[in-house]
Protein backbone atom coordinates (compact mmCIF):
# COMPACT_ATOMS: atom_id res chain seq x y z
CA MET A 1 176.27 -108.83 54.65
CA LYS A 2 178.65 -111.06 55.75
CA ILE A 3 179.20 -114.67 54.33
CA ASP A 4 180.66 -117.65 55.93
CA SER A 5 181.13 -120.68 53.99
CA LEU A 6 181.80 -124.37 55.05
CA VAL A 7 182.69 -127.23 52.89
CA VAL A 8 180.48 -130.56 54.47
CA GLY A 9 180.16 -133.89 54.09
CA SER A 10 181.73 -136.75 51.67
CA PHE A 11 180.46 -135.00 48.90
CA GLU A 12 182.26 -131.70 49.60
CA CYS A 13 179.14 -129.49 49.33
CA ASN A 14 179.52 -125.91 49.99
CA CYS A 15 177.25 -124.40 52.61
CA PHE A 16 176.58 -120.62 52.92
CA ILE A 17 175.68 -118.72 55.78
CA LEU A 18 174.81 -115.28 55.02
CA SER A 19 173.98 -113.10 57.92
CA ASP A 20 172.99 -109.02 58.42
CA GLU A 21 175.72 -107.52 60.62
CA LYS A 22 173.47 -104.95 62.27
CA THR A 23 170.72 -107.47 63.24
CA ASN A 24 172.60 -110.53 63.11
CA GLU A 25 169.53 -112.30 61.28
CA ALA A 26 170.83 -115.03 58.85
CA ILE A 27 169.84 -117.75 56.40
CA ILE A 28 171.78 -120.83 55.34
CA ILE A 29 171.94 -121.92 52.00
CA ASP A 30 172.56 -125.72 51.25
CA PRO A 31 172.91 -127.20 54.83
CA GLY A 32 174.10 -130.54 53.37
CA ASP A 33 175.83 -132.41 56.41
CA GLU A 34 178.00 -131.96 59.52
CA PRO A 35 175.00 -130.08 61.44
CA ASN A 36 177.10 -129.87 64.34
CA GLU A 37 179.72 -127.93 62.68
CA ILE A 38 177.30 -125.72 61.04
CA LEU A 39 175.51 -124.91 64.26
CA SER A 40 178.76 -124.45 65.92
CA LEU A 41 179.75 -121.36 63.86
CA VAL A 42 176.22 -120.11 63.92
CA HIS A 43 176.05 -120.16 67.90
CA ALA A 44 179.80 -118.87 68.07
CA LYS A 45 178.48 -115.52 66.01
CA GLY A 46 175.37 -115.10 67.77
CA LEU A 47 173.22 -115.64 64.69
CA LYS A 48 169.57 -116.07 64.59
CA VAL A 49 169.00 -118.21 61.35
CA LEU A 50 165.53 -117.48 59.91
CA GLY A 51 165.48 -119.58 56.99
CA LEU A 52 167.25 -122.68 55.52
CA LEU A 53 167.42 -122.33 51.59
CA HIS A 54 167.90 -125.36 49.13
CA THR A 55 169.11 -124.93 45.79
CA HIS A 56 167.50 -128.61 45.16
CA ALA A 57 166.91 -131.55 46.96
CA HIS A 58 169.73 -133.99 46.43
CA LEU A 59 170.99 -135.48 49.82
CA ASP A 60 174.24 -133.86 49.65
CA HIS A 61 172.38 -130.28 50.04
CA MET A 62 169.91 -131.34 52.71
CA MET A 63 171.21 -133.99 55.21
CA ALA A 64 171.94 -131.21 57.91
CA THR A 65 168.49 -129.85 57.48
CA LYS A 66 166.22 -131.50 60.18
CA GLN A 67 168.83 -130.95 62.95
CA ILE A 68 169.47 -127.51 62.30
CA LYS A 69 165.72 -127.00 61.78
CA LEU A 70 165.44 -128.55 65.13
CA ASP A 71 167.88 -126.20 66.75
CA THR A 72 167.03 -122.90 65.17
CA LEU A 73 163.27 -123.32 64.00
CA ALA A 74 164.13 -121.61 60.65
CA THR A 75 162.02 -121.86 57.99
CA THR A 76 162.62 -124.36 55.30
CA TYR A 77 162.45 -123.42 51.53
CA LEU A 78 162.25 -125.66 48.67
CA HIS A 79 161.07 -125.31 45.07
CA LYS A 80 157.95 -127.56 45.00
CA GLU A 81 159.17 -129.56 41.81
CA ASP A 82 161.81 -130.99 43.90
CA LEU A 83 159.55 -132.12 46.81
CA TYR A 84 159.75 -135.81 45.67
CA LEU A 85 163.30 -135.77 45.95
CA TRP A 86 162.99 -134.09 49.41
CA THR A 87 160.58 -137.07 50.74
CA ASN A 88 162.76 -139.73 49.06
CA LEU A 89 166.01 -138.71 51.10
CA LYS A 90 166.39 -142.19 52.48
CA MET A 91 166.10 -143.73 48.96
CA GLN A 92 168.94 -141.46 47.83
CA ALA A 93 170.97 -142.20 51.10
CA ASP A 94 170.60 -146.08 50.60
CA MET A 95 171.97 -145.76 47.00
CA PHE A 96 175.10 -144.23 48.82
CA GLY A 97 175.42 -146.33 51.63
CA PHE A 98 174.38 -143.45 54.19
CA LYS A 99 172.07 -143.59 57.22
CA VAL A 100 169.75 -140.46 57.60
CA GLU A 101 166.77 -139.42 59.10
CA GLU A 102 163.75 -138.37 57.69
CA PRO A 103 163.89 -134.67 56.55
CA PRO A 104 161.36 -131.93 58.26
CA GLY A 105 158.43 -130.77 56.36
CA VAL A 106 159.01 -127.87 53.62
CA ASP A 107 157.62 -124.69 55.26
CA LYS A 108 157.64 -122.73 51.88
CA TYR A 109 157.87 -123.42 48.33
CA LEU A 110 160.18 -121.26 46.45
CA LEU A 111 158.75 -119.28 43.39
CA ASP A 112 160.73 -117.61 40.77
CA GLU A 113 161.62 -114.03 41.38
CA MET A 114 161.01 -114.70 45.32
CA GLU A 115 162.97 -112.35 47.43
CA ILE A 116 163.68 -113.45 51.19
CA LYS A 117 164.65 -110.93 53.55
CA PHE A 118 166.80 -111.25 56.77
CA GLY A 119 167.83 -108.17 58.48
CA ASP A 120 168.31 -105.37 56.09
CA GLN A 121 169.30 -107.55 53.38
CA LYS A 122 167.28 -109.69 50.88
CA ILE A 123 168.24 -112.70 48.49
CA LYS A 124 166.24 -113.30 45.26
CA THR A 125 165.34 -116.97 44.10
CA ILE A 126 165.86 -117.64 40.26
CA PHE A 127 164.30 -120.85 38.98
CA THR A 128 166.73 -122.82 37.05
CA PRO A 129 165.57 -126.18 36.18
CA GLY A 130 167.85 -128.91 34.65
CA HIS A 131 170.09 -130.48 37.44
CA THR A 132 166.93 -131.38 38.98
CA PRO A 133 163.30 -130.42 38.07
CA GLY A 134 162.99 -127.85 41.06
CA SER A 135 166.76 -126.49 40.84
CA CYS A 136 167.04 -122.67 41.94
CA CYS A 137 170.11 -120.26 42.25
CA PHE A 138 169.85 -117.37 44.54
CA HIS A 139 170.96 -113.83 43.57
CA VAL A 140 172.29 -111.06 46.16
CA GLU A 141 172.97 -107.72 45.13
CA SER A 142 174.64 -105.71 47.90
CA ASP A 143 178.19 -104.38 47.61
CA GLU A 144 178.81 -106.73 44.98
CA SER A 145 176.48 -109.05 42.69
CA ILE A 146 176.72 -112.23 44.24
CA LEU A 147 175.16 -115.81 42.87
CA PHE A 148 174.84 -119.02 44.53
CA SER A 149 174.47 -121.50 41.85
CA GLY A 150 173.84 -124.60 43.57
CA ASP A 151 174.61 -127.46 41.18
CA THR A 152 173.67 -125.58 38.29
CA LEU A 153 176.88 -123.66 37.13
CA PHE A 154 180.16 -124.59 37.96
CA LYS A 155 183.71 -123.20 36.93
CA LYS A 156 184.23 -124.43 33.51
CA SER A 157 181.27 -126.93 33.94
CA ILE A 158 177.85 -127.29 34.78
CA GLY A 159 175.60 -129.80 36.83
CA ARG A 160 175.07 -133.45 35.78
CA THR A 161 171.83 -134.19 34.47
CA ASP A 162 171.82 -138.18 34.42
CA LEU A 163 170.24 -138.26 37.91
CA TRP A 164 166.68 -138.17 39.06
CA GLY A 165 164.73 -135.66 36.89
CA GLY A 166 167.99 -134.35 35.30
CA ASP A 167 167.47 -132.74 31.84
CA SER A 168 170.54 -131.26 29.63
CA GLY A 169 168.17 -129.04 27.52
CA LYS A 170 166.47 -127.41 30.31
CA ILE A 171 169.92 -126.82 32.29
CA SER A 172 171.31 -125.20 29.36
CA LYS A 173 168.27 -122.81 28.95
CA SER A 174 168.54 -122.13 32.27
CA ILE A 175 172.11 -121.20 32.27
CA LYS A 176 171.93 -119.19 29.12
CA ASN A 177 168.55 -117.37 29.73
CA ARG A 178 168.82 -116.81 33.11
CA LEU A 179 172.25 -116.72 34.54
CA TYR A 180 174.14 -115.43 31.57
CA THR A 181 171.82 -112.24 31.80
CA LEU A 182 173.45 -111.26 35.06
CA ALA A 183 176.34 -108.96 34.99
CA ASP A 184 179.68 -110.26 33.73
CA GLU A 185 181.34 -109.24 37.06
CA THR A 186 178.90 -111.10 39.06
CA ILE A 187 180.58 -113.72 41.48
CA VAL A 188 179.24 -117.23 41.58
CA LEU A 189 179.76 -119.32 44.56
CA CYS A 190 179.05 -122.73 43.41
CA GLY A 191 177.37 -125.67 45.17
CA HIS A 192 180.81 -127.60 44.84
CA GLY A 193 184.42 -126.23 44.14
CA SER A 194 185.68 -122.99 43.80
CA GLU A 195 184.08 -119.83 42.81
CA THR A 196 184.09 -118.14 38.95
CA LEU A 197 182.58 -115.16 37.69
CA ILE A 198 179.58 -115.07 35.17
CA GLY A 199 181.69 -113.24 32.55
CA GLN A 200 184.14 -115.86 32.57
CA GLU A 201 181.52 -118.66 32.18
CA LYS A 202 180.06 -116.95 29.23
CA ARG A 203 183.54 -117.04 27.67
CA HIS A 204 185.08 -120.18 28.73
CA ASN A 205 182.27 -122.61 29.93
CA PRO A 206 182.55 -125.53 27.52
CA PHE A 207 179.49 -126.71 27.98
CA VAL A 208 177.22 -123.53 27.65
CA LYS A 209 178.72 -120.39 25.72
CA GLY A 210 177.16 -116.92 26.36
């Protein structure tokens, strides 16, 4: 499995493109902005994008979804608890002074433990409410254990809970009961900022200790 990453948009969201090197089938996690940059990489590598996965529906993680959907015809995935944020993308954008198009429809709702396949690879959904009601992380066990944590867990930090539907108690439980049960050597690729390790966060994260 190959992982490419781009930092996109004013909020510097980490967008990840995962691809199977044998089949060139791929998924995109959090197409947050700059669709032309994302599509340029996709086309340059000759990838067939099967899915657009969203860790949650804040605008900075989904503003490029519509254009990429139109180009690739990929299936859109979101947890149903975040549908109200998804359908209110324009309201979110207005608050920050952005102009956006209405998002496409959600094709499939994410469920806890759902597996999504591309080529010979698969990625598993972990439902982690707290940052938003429908926040999810995605876990891959290939040559390494890798977690795509969205805005739930950051290096020595956690996602904010003062926006729509945030819940500090739920995010703490999600991190401690779901993410900290992964192997200490699990690499955490966050929605913003640099990567970390589960073991490091269990020992050193000042907000949620393992």
